[in-house]
C-alpha atoms as a PDB file:
ATOM      1  CA  MET A   1      19.453 -27.310  -7.287  1.00  0.00           C
ATOM      2  CA  THR A   2      18.139 -24.469  -5.181  1.00  0.00           C
ATOM      3  CA  LYS A   3      17.063 -24.890  -1.607  1.00  0.00           C
ATOM      4  CA  THR A   4      13.376 -24.368  -2.415  1.00  0.00           C
ATOM      5  CA  PHE A   5      13.475 -27.015  -5.142  1.00  0.00           C
ATOM      6  CA  LYS A   6      15.047 -29.511  -2.718  1.00  0.00           C
ATOM      7  CA  GLN A   7      12.337 -28.746  -0.171  1.00  0.00           C
ATOM      8  CA  TYR A   8       9.714 -29.290  -2.879  1.00  0.00           C
ATOM      9  CA  LEU A   9      11.241 -32.672  -3.746  1.00  0.00           C
ATOM     10  CA  ASN A  10      11.217 -33.714  -0.094  1.00  0.00           C
ATOM     11  CA  GLU A  11       7.563 -32.711   0.239  1.00  0.00           C
ATOM     12  CA  THR A  12       6.546 -34.693  -2.857  1.00  0.00           C
ATOM     13  CA  GLU A  13       8.414 -37.732  -1.558  1.00  0.00           C
ATOM     14  CA  GLN A  14       6.396 -37.454   1.666  1.00  0.00           C
ATOM     15  CA  GLY A  15       3.142 -37.536  -0.242  1.00  0.00           C
ATOM     16  CA  TYR A  16       2.305 -33.909  -1.020  1.00  0.00           C
ATOM     17  CA  MET A  17       1.077 -33.381  -4.557  1.00  0.00           C
ATOM     18  CA  GLU A  18       0.669 -30.342  -6.730  1.00  0.00           C
ATOM     19  CA  GLU A  19      -2.559 -29.969  -8.690  1.00  0.00           C
ATOM     20  CA  THR A  20      -2.474 -28.447 -12.160  1.00  0.00           C
ATOM     21  CA  TYR A  21      -5.440 -27.720 -14.381  1.00  0.00           C
ATOM     22  CA  ASP A  22      -5.776 -27.343 -18.141  1.00  0.00           C
ATOM     23  CA  GLY A  23      -8.309 -25.083 -19.804  1.00  0.00           C
ATOM     24  CA  ASP A  24     -11.452 -24.335 -17.809  1.00  0.00           C
ATOM     25  CA  ASP A  25     -11.105 -27.198 -15.309  1.00  0.00           C
ATOM     26  CA  PHE A  26      -9.973 -24.768 -12.615  1.00  0.00           C
ATOM     27  CA  PHE A  27     -13.117 -22.629 -12.978  1.00  0.00           C
ATOM     28  CA  ALA A  28     -15.297 -25.732 -12.994  1.00  0.00           C
ATOM     29  CA  ASN A  29     -13.826 -26.837  -9.648  1.00  0.00           C
ATOM     30  CA  TYR A  30     -13.329 -23.507  -7.862  1.00  0.00           C
ATOM     31  CA  GLY A  31     -15.615 -21.035  -9.636  1.00  0.00           C
ATOM     32  CA  GLU A  32     -14.856 -17.460 -10.604  1.00  0.00           C
ATOM     33  CA  MET A  33     -12.030 -15.786  -8.685  1.00  0.00           C
ATOM     34  CA  TRP A  34     -12.941 -12.571  -6.838  1.00  0.00           C
ATOM     35  CA  TYR A  35     -11.200  -9.421  -8.099  1.00  0.00           C
ATOM     36  CA  ASN A  36     -11.632  -5.826  -6.991  1.00  0.00           C
ATOM     37  CA  ASP A  37     -10.495  -2.969  -9.270  1.00  0.00           C
ATOM     38  CA  ASP A  38     -10.356  -0.554  -6.310  1.00  0.00           C
ATOM     39  CA  LEU A  39      -7.483  -2.448  -4.674  1.00  0.00           C
ATOM     40  CA  ILE A  40      -4.887  -1.692  -7.362  1.00  0.00           C
ATOM     41  CA  ASP A  41      -1.557  -0.957  -5.705  1.00  0.00           C
ATOM     42  CA  GLU A  42       0.386   0.424  -8.665  1.00  0.00           C
ATOM     43  CA  ALA A  43      -0.452   2.878 -11.399  1.00  0.00           C
ATOM     44  CA  GLU A  44       1.097   5.294 -13.854  1.00  0.00           C
ATOM     45  CA  TYR A  45       1.735   8.921 -12.906  1.00  0.00           C
ATOM     46  CA  GLN A  46       3.243  11.243 -15.544  1.00  0.00           C
ATOM     47  CA  GLY A  47       4.602   8.284 -17.508  1.00  0.00           C
ATOM     48  CA  ARG A  48       6.196   6.456 -14.555  1.00  0.00           C
ATOM     49  CA  LYS A  49       4.984   3.407 -12.647  1.00  0.00           C
ATOM     50  CA  VAL A  50       4.270   4.362  -9.026  1.00  0.00           C
ATOM     51  CA  ARG A  51       3.049   2.489  -5.969  1.00  0.00           C
ATOM     52  CA  LEU A  52      -0.284   3.688  -4.574  1.00  0.00           C
ATOM     53  CA  GLY A  53      -0.901   4.350  -0.883  1.00  0.00           C
ATOM     54  CA  LYS A  54       2.704   3.884   0.289  1.00  0.00           C
ATOM     55  CA  PRO A  55       4.383   6.989   1.768  1.00  0.00           C
ATOM     56  CA  MET A  56       7.983   7.525   0.673  1.00  0.00           C
ATOM     57  CA  ARG A  57      10.668  10.193   1.001  1.00  0.00           C
ATOM     58  CA  GLY A  58       9.584  13.280  -0.861  1.00  0.00           C
ATOM     59  CA  ASP A  59      11.260  15.697  -3.188  1.00  0.00           C
ATOM     60  CA  VAL A  60       9.298  18.883  -2.455  1.00  0.00           C
ATOM     61  CA  LYS A  61       8.242  18.075   1.110  1.00  0.00           C
ATOM     62  CA  LYS A  62       9.442  15.493   3.636  1.00  0.00           C
ATOM     63  CA  PHE A  63       7.167  12.729   2.338  1.00  0.00           C
ATOM     64  CA  LYS A  64       5.046  12.002  -0.723  1.00  0.00           C
ATOM     65  CA  VAL A  65       2.405   9.434  -1.525  1.00  0.00           C
ATOM     66  CA  TYR A  66       0.481   8.617  -4.689  1.00  0.00           C
ATOM     67  CA  VAL A  67      -3.262   8.025  -4.352  1.00  0.00           C
ATOM     68  CA  LYS A  68      -6.189   7.517  -6.704  1.00  0.00           C
ATOM     69  CA  ASP A  69      -8.690  10.348  -6.457  1.00  0.00           C
ATOM     70  CA  PRO A  70     -12.169   8.773  -6.201  1.00  0.00           C
ATOM     71  CA  LYS A  71     -13.888  11.801  -7.782  1.00  0.00           C
ATOM     72  CA  THR A  72     -11.722  12.235 -10.886  1.00  0.00           C
ATOM     73  CA  LYS A  73     -10.337   8.655 -11.040  1.00  0.00           C
ATOM     74  CA  ASN A  74      -6.874  10.181 -11.660  1.00  0.00           C
ATOM     75  CA  ILE A  75      -3.648   9.464  -9.800  1.00  0.00           C
ATOM     76  CA  LYS A  76      -2.692  12.303  -7.481  1.00  0.00           C
ATOM     77  CA  LYS A  77       0.617  13.028  -5.739  1.00  0.00           C
ATOM     78  CA  VAL A  78       0.180  14.228  -2.144  1.00  0.00           C
ATOM     79  CA  ASN A  79       3.171  15.993  -0.550  1.00  0.00           C
ATOM     80  CA  PHE A  80       3.207  16.389   3.228  1.00  0.00           C
ATOM     81  CA  GLY A  81       5.510  17.095   6.154  1.00  0.00           C
ATOM     82  CA  ASP A  82       8.001  19.851   6.904  1.00  0.00           C
ATOM     83  CA  PRO A  83      11.445  18.839   5.609  1.00  0.00           C
ATOM     84  CA  ASN A  84      13.189  20.842   8.365  1.00  0.00           C
ATOM     85  CA  MET A  85      11.304  19.336  11.328  1.00  0.00           C
ATOM     86  CA  LYS A  86      12.103  16.134  13.180  1.00  0.00           C
ATOM     87  CA  ILE A  87       9.269  13.729  13.905  1.00  0.00           C
ATOM     88  CA  LYS A  88       9.226  12.975  17.616  1.00  0.00           C
ATOM     89  CA  LYS A  89       6.115  10.849  17.909  1.00  0.00           C
ATOM     90  CA  SER A  90       7.692   8.792  20.697  1.00  0.00           C
ATOM     91  CA  ASN A  91       7.204  11.778  23.040  1.00  0.00           C
ATOM     92  CA  PRO A  92       3.586  11.411  24.308  1.00  0.00           C
ATOM     93  CA  ALA A  93       3.074  15.143  24.951  1.00  0.00           C
ATOM     94  CA  ARG A  94       4.230  16.114  21.437  1.00  0.00           C
ATOM     95  CA  ARG A  95       2.161  13.353  19.893  1.00  0.00           C
ATOM     96  CA  ARG A  96      -0.991  14.420  21.749  1.00  0.00           C
ATOM     97  CA  SER A  97      -0.391  18.075  20.840  1.00  0.00           C
ATOM     98  CA  PHE A  98       0.179  17.309  17.142  1.00  0.00           C
ATOM     99  CA  ARG A  99      -2.904  15.124  16.893  1.00  0.00           C
ATOM    100  CA  ALA A 100      -5.066  17.762  18.623  1.00  0.00           C
ATOM    101  CA  ARG A 101      -3.672  20.599  16.483  1.00  0.00           C
ATOM    102  CA  HIS A 102      -4.341  18.726  13.231  1.00  0.00           C
ATOM    103  CA  ASN A 103      -7.693  17.233  14.306  1.00  0.00           C
ATOM    104  CA  CYS A 104      -6.458  13.689  13.697  1.00  0.00           C
ATOM    105  CA  ASP A 105      -9.641  12.138  15.090  1.00  0.00           C
ATOM    106  CA  ASN A 106     -11.247  13.154  11.786  1.00  0.00           C
ATOM    107  CA  PRO A 107      -8.371  13.180   9.258  1.00  0.00           C
ATOM    108  CA  GLY A 108     -10.431  13.686   6.100  1.00  0.00           C
ATOM    109  CA  PRO A 109      -9.974  12.020   2.688  1.00  0.00           C
ATOM    110  CA  ARG A 110      -6.875  10.118   1.555  1.00  0.00           C
ATOM    111  CA  THR A 111      -6.202  12.763  -1.091  1.00  0.00           C
ATOM    112  CA  LYS A 112      -5.276  15.393   1.529  1.00  0.00           C
ATOM    113  CA  ALA A 113      -1.948  15.918   3.299  1.00  0.00           C
ATOM    114  CA  ARG A 114      -3.609  16.005   6.732  1.00  0.00           C
ATOM    115  CA  TYR A 115      -4.768  12.402   6.382  1.00  0.00           C
ATOM    116  CA  TRP A 116      -1.231  11.171   5.708  1.00  0.00           C
ATOM    117  CA  SER A 117       0.375  13.381   8.373  1.00  0.00           C
ATOM    118  CA  CYS A 118      -2.046  12.070  10.968  1.00  0.00           C
ATOM    119  CA  ARG A 119      -1.416   8.524   9.835  1.00  0.00           C
ATOM    120  CA  LYS A 120       2.348   8.996  10.299  1.00  0.00           C
ATOM    121  CA  TRP A 121       1.782  10.393  13.814  1.00  0.00           C
END
């Protein structure tokens, strides 16, 4: 037996019970479950499954992120960051200078590199 199964057995012995429903009984008791199509976190980009909105190490630039373009409804790959530069956001003067230079108070849409660079800094 696995540890989680043993814990489950101990909980049921103490009086905890698991509820299961057949058919439409669940919907009768709890109603329709809320679901939002805009909050999808994975999609397909050029035949591969990719995670949306999560920056990762890039191939062309330092980082890349896949986002859904709200205008075209397509998945877009956004490359950002200089691969030859070190990120030194722990230095307050450099951080302030970077954020001022890139206007990070108004970073723009998620489909642009500036948004993701500002978010990293």
